[in-house]
C-alpha atoms as a PDB file:
ATOM      1  CA  MET A   1      -5.505  24.764 -82.418  1.00  0.00           C
ATOM      2  CA  ALA A   2      -6.072  24.763 -86.160  1.00  0.00           C
ATOM      3  CA  TRP A   3      -5.605  28.531 -86.139  1.00  0.00           C
ATOM      4  CA  GLY A   4      -2.124  28.169 -84.546  1.00  0.00           C
ATOM      5  CA  ALA A   5      -1.167  25.570 -87.177  1.00  0.00           C
ATOM      6  CA  TRP A   6      -2.308  27.956 -89.949  1.00  0.00           C
ATOM      7  CA  ASP A   7      -0.278  30.790 -88.572  1.00  0.00           C
ATOM      8  CA  TYR A   8       2.812  28.543 -88.368  1.00  0.00           C
ATOM      9  CA  LYS A   9       2.363  27.526 -91.948  1.00  0.00           C
ATOM     10  CA  SER A  10       1.798  31.026 -93.097  1.00  0.00           C
ATOM     11  CA  ASN A  11       4.964  32.177 -91.268  1.00  0.00           C
ATOM     12  CA  MET A  12       6.962  29.309 -92.814  1.00  0.00           C
ATOM     13  CA  MET A  13       5.874  30.414 -96.300  1.00  0.00           C
ATOM     14  CA  LYS A  14       6.781  34.122 -95.487  1.00  0.00           C
ATOM     15  CA  ASP A  15      10.183  33.009 -94.296  1.00  0.00           C
ATOM     16  CA  ALA A  16      10.701  30.858 -97.430  1.00  0.00           C
ATOM     17  CA  ARG A  17       9.719  33.879 -99.631  1.00  0.00           C
ATOM     18  CA  LEU A  18      12.168  36.169 -97.653  1.00  0.00           C
ATOM     19  CA  CYS A  19      14.930  33.659 -98.328  1.00  0.00           C
ATOM     20  CA  GLN A  20      14.219  33.630-102.063  1.00  0.00           C
ATOM     21  CA  ILE A  21      14.289  37.454-102.101  1.00  0.00           C
ATOM     22  CA  GLN A  22      17.629  37.502-100.237  1.00  0.00           C
ATOM     23  CA  LEU A  23      19.007  34.920-102.650  1.00  0.00           C
ATOM     24  CA  SER A  24      17.798  36.795-105.657  1.00  0.00           C
ATOM     25  CA  LYS A  25      19.497  40.005-104.407  1.00  0.00           C
ATOM     26  CA  ARG A  26      22.708  38.225-103.763  1.00  0.00           C
ATOM     27  CA  MET A  27      22.684  36.573-107.206  1.00  0.00           C
ATOM     28  CA  SER A  28      21.964  39.981-108.836  1.00  0.00           C
ATOM     29  CA  TYR A  29      24.841  41.600-107.018  1.00  0.00           C
ATOM     30  CA  ILE A  30      27.328  38.899-107.858  1.00  0.00           C
ATOM     31  CA  LEU A  31      26.403  38.612-111.599  1.00  0.00           C
ATOM     32  CA  ARG A  32      26.002  42.320-112.264  1.00  0.00           C
ATOM     33  CA  HIS A  33      28.710  43.999-110.012  1.00  0.00           C
ATOM     34  CA  GLY A  34      31.523  41.665-109.414  1.00  0.00           C
ATOM     35  CA  PRO A  35      31.629  38.017-110.304  1.00  0.00           C
ATOM     36  CA  GLU A  36      35.326  38.088-110.128  1.00  0.00           C
ATOM     37  CA  LYS A  37      35.213  39.144-106.508  1.00  0.00           C
ATOM     38  CA  HIS A  38      33.592  35.750-105.860  1.00  0.00           C
ATOM     39  CA  GLY A  39      35.936  33.673-108.032  1.00  0.00           C
ATOM     40  CA  LEU A  40      33.484  33.524-111.067  1.00  0.00           C
ATOM     41  CA  THR A  41      34.342  34.292-114.642  1.00  0.00           C
ATOM     42  CA  LEU A  42      31.725  35.421-117.161  1.00  0.00           C
ATOM     43  CA  ASP A  43      31.966  33.759-120.566  1.00  0.00           C
ATOM     44  CA  SER A  44      31.763  35.824-123.873  1.00  0.00           C
ATOM     45  CA  GLN A  45      27.871  35.819-123.511  1.00  0.00           C
ATOM     46  CA  GLY A  46      27.873  36.835-119.887  1.00  0.00           C
ATOM     47  CA  PHE A  47      27.083  33.473-118.394  1.00  0.00           C
ATOM     48  CA  VAL A  48      28.678  31.743-115.434  1.00  0.00           C
ATOM     49  CA  SER A  49      28.527  28.085-114.313  1.00  0.00           C
ATOM     50  CA  LEU A  50      25.387  27.309-112.150  1.00  0.00           C
ATOM     51  CA  GLY A  51      27.637  25.042-109.941  1.00  0.00           C
ATOM     52  CA  GLU A  52      30.172  27.737-109.450  1.00  0.00           C
ATOM     53  CA  LEU A  53      27.547  30.351-108.656  1.00  0.00           C
ATOM     54  CA  ALA A  54      25.808  27.979-106.146  1.00  0.00           C
ATOM     55  CA  GLY A  55      29.242  27.326-104.530  1.00  0.00           C
ATOM     56  CA  ALA A  56      29.963  31.100-104.213  1.00  0.00           C
ATOM     57  CA  LEU A  57      26.464  31.465-102.578  1.00  0.00           C
ATOM     58  CA  SER A  58      26.726  28.382-100.453  1.00  0.00           C
ATOM     59  CA  VAL A  59      23.403  27.101-101.807  1.00  0.00           C
ATOM     60  CA  HIS A  60      22.277  24.127-103.923  1.00  0.00           C
ATOM     61  CA  VAL A  61      21.970  24.392-107.610  1.00  0.00           C
ATOM     62  CA  ASP A  62      18.318  23.361-107.274  1.00  0.00           C
ATOM     63  CA  ASP A  63      17.601  26.346-105.055  1.00  0.00           C
ATOM     64  CA  ILE A  64      18.904  28.643-107.847  1.00  0.00           C
ATOM     65  CA  ARG A  65      16.845  26.795-110.568  1.00  0.00           C
ATOM     66  CA  GLU A  66      13.670  27.009-108.347  1.00  0.00           C
ATOM     67  CA  LEU A  67      14.230  30.756-107.844  1.00  0.00           C
ATOM     68  CA  VAL A  68      14.624  31.381-111.581  1.00  0.00           C
ATOM     69  CA  LYS A  69      11.734  29.189-112.515  1.00  0.00           C
ATOM     70  CA  THR A  70       9.210  30.755-109.970  1.00  0.00           C
ATOM     71  CA  SER A  71      10.373  34.464-110.348  1.00  0.00           C
ATOM     72  CA  HIS A  72       8.255  36.614-112.429  1.00  0.00           C
ATOM     73  CA  LYS A  73      10.810  39.397-112.677  1.00  0.00           C
ATOM     74  CA  LEU A  74      13.019  37.747-115.288  1.00  0.00           C
ATOM     75  CA  ARG A  75      16.214  38.821-113.588  1.00  0.00           C
ATOM     76  CA  PHE A  76      18.078  35.687-114.665  1.00  0.00           C
ATOM     77  CA  GLU A  77      18.344  33.366-117.592  1.00  0.00           C
ATOM     78  CA  ILE A  78      19.479  29.707-117.422  1.00  0.00           C
ATOM     79  CA  SER A  79      20.788  28.036-120.501  1.00  0.00           C
ATOM     80  CA  GLY A  80      21.942  24.458-119.862  1.00  0.00           C
ATOM     81  CA  GLU A  81      24.243  24.531-116.867  1.00  0.00           C
ATOM     82  CA  LYS A  82      24.932  28.285-117.133  1.00  0.00           C
ATOM     83  CA  ILE A  83      23.182  31.363-115.692  1.00  0.00           C
ATOM     84  CA  GLN A  84      23.331  34.959-116.494  1.00  0.00           C
ATOM     85  CA  SER A  85      21.673  38.274-115.492  1.00  0.00           C
ATOM     86  CA  PRO A  86      20.213  39.353-118.809  1.00  0.00           C
ATOM     87  CA  ILE A  87      21.677  42.403-120.647  1.00  0.00           C
ATOM     88  CA  TRP A  88      18.745  44.726-120.218  1.00  0.00           C
ATOM     89  CA  PRO A  89      19.973  46.047-116.828  1.00  0.00           C
ATOM     90  CA  LEU A  90      23.105  47.077-118.497  1.00  0.00           C
ATOM     91  CA  SER A  91      21.339  49.495-120.725  1.00  0.00           C
ATOM     92  CA  ARG A  92      19.696  51.144-117.683  1.00  0.00           C
ATOM     93  CA  GLY A  93      23.063  51.558-115.929  1.00  0.00           C
ATOM     94  CA  ASP A  94      22.267  49.070-113.216  1.00  0.00           C
ATOM     95  CA  ALA A  95      25.426  47.085-113.555  1.00  0.00           C
ATOM     96  CA  SER A  96      29.103  47.683-112.957  1.00  0.00           C
ATOM     97  CA  ILE A  97      30.384  45.223-115.460  1.00  0.00           C
ATOM     98  CA  ARG A  98      30.259  45.003-119.178  1.00  0.00           C
ATOM     99  CA  VAL A  99      30.367  41.928-121.485  1.00  0.00           C
ATOM    100  CA  VAL A 100      32.476  42.348-124.531  1.00  0.00           C
END
């Protein structure tokens, strides 16, 4: 019986991790390749509102904050109530947008 409970918990943790991976990929795509397609506007430093991004993704702001806090890949930067995908991917040609 305990083994079944352990498997269930392990599967729940895997599912949660997969959800975080999918969210990270969606955030990367939106922030790097077409925020305007989702009704978002980058400011002069490349940031968008956390609330607006959460709305575009149909997730809670806390889900985004948790993802950024626990990710070791440093794909996103939060400053106050704004978020960006850092400039370093732009230098590698991974992004379709440029911040002027």
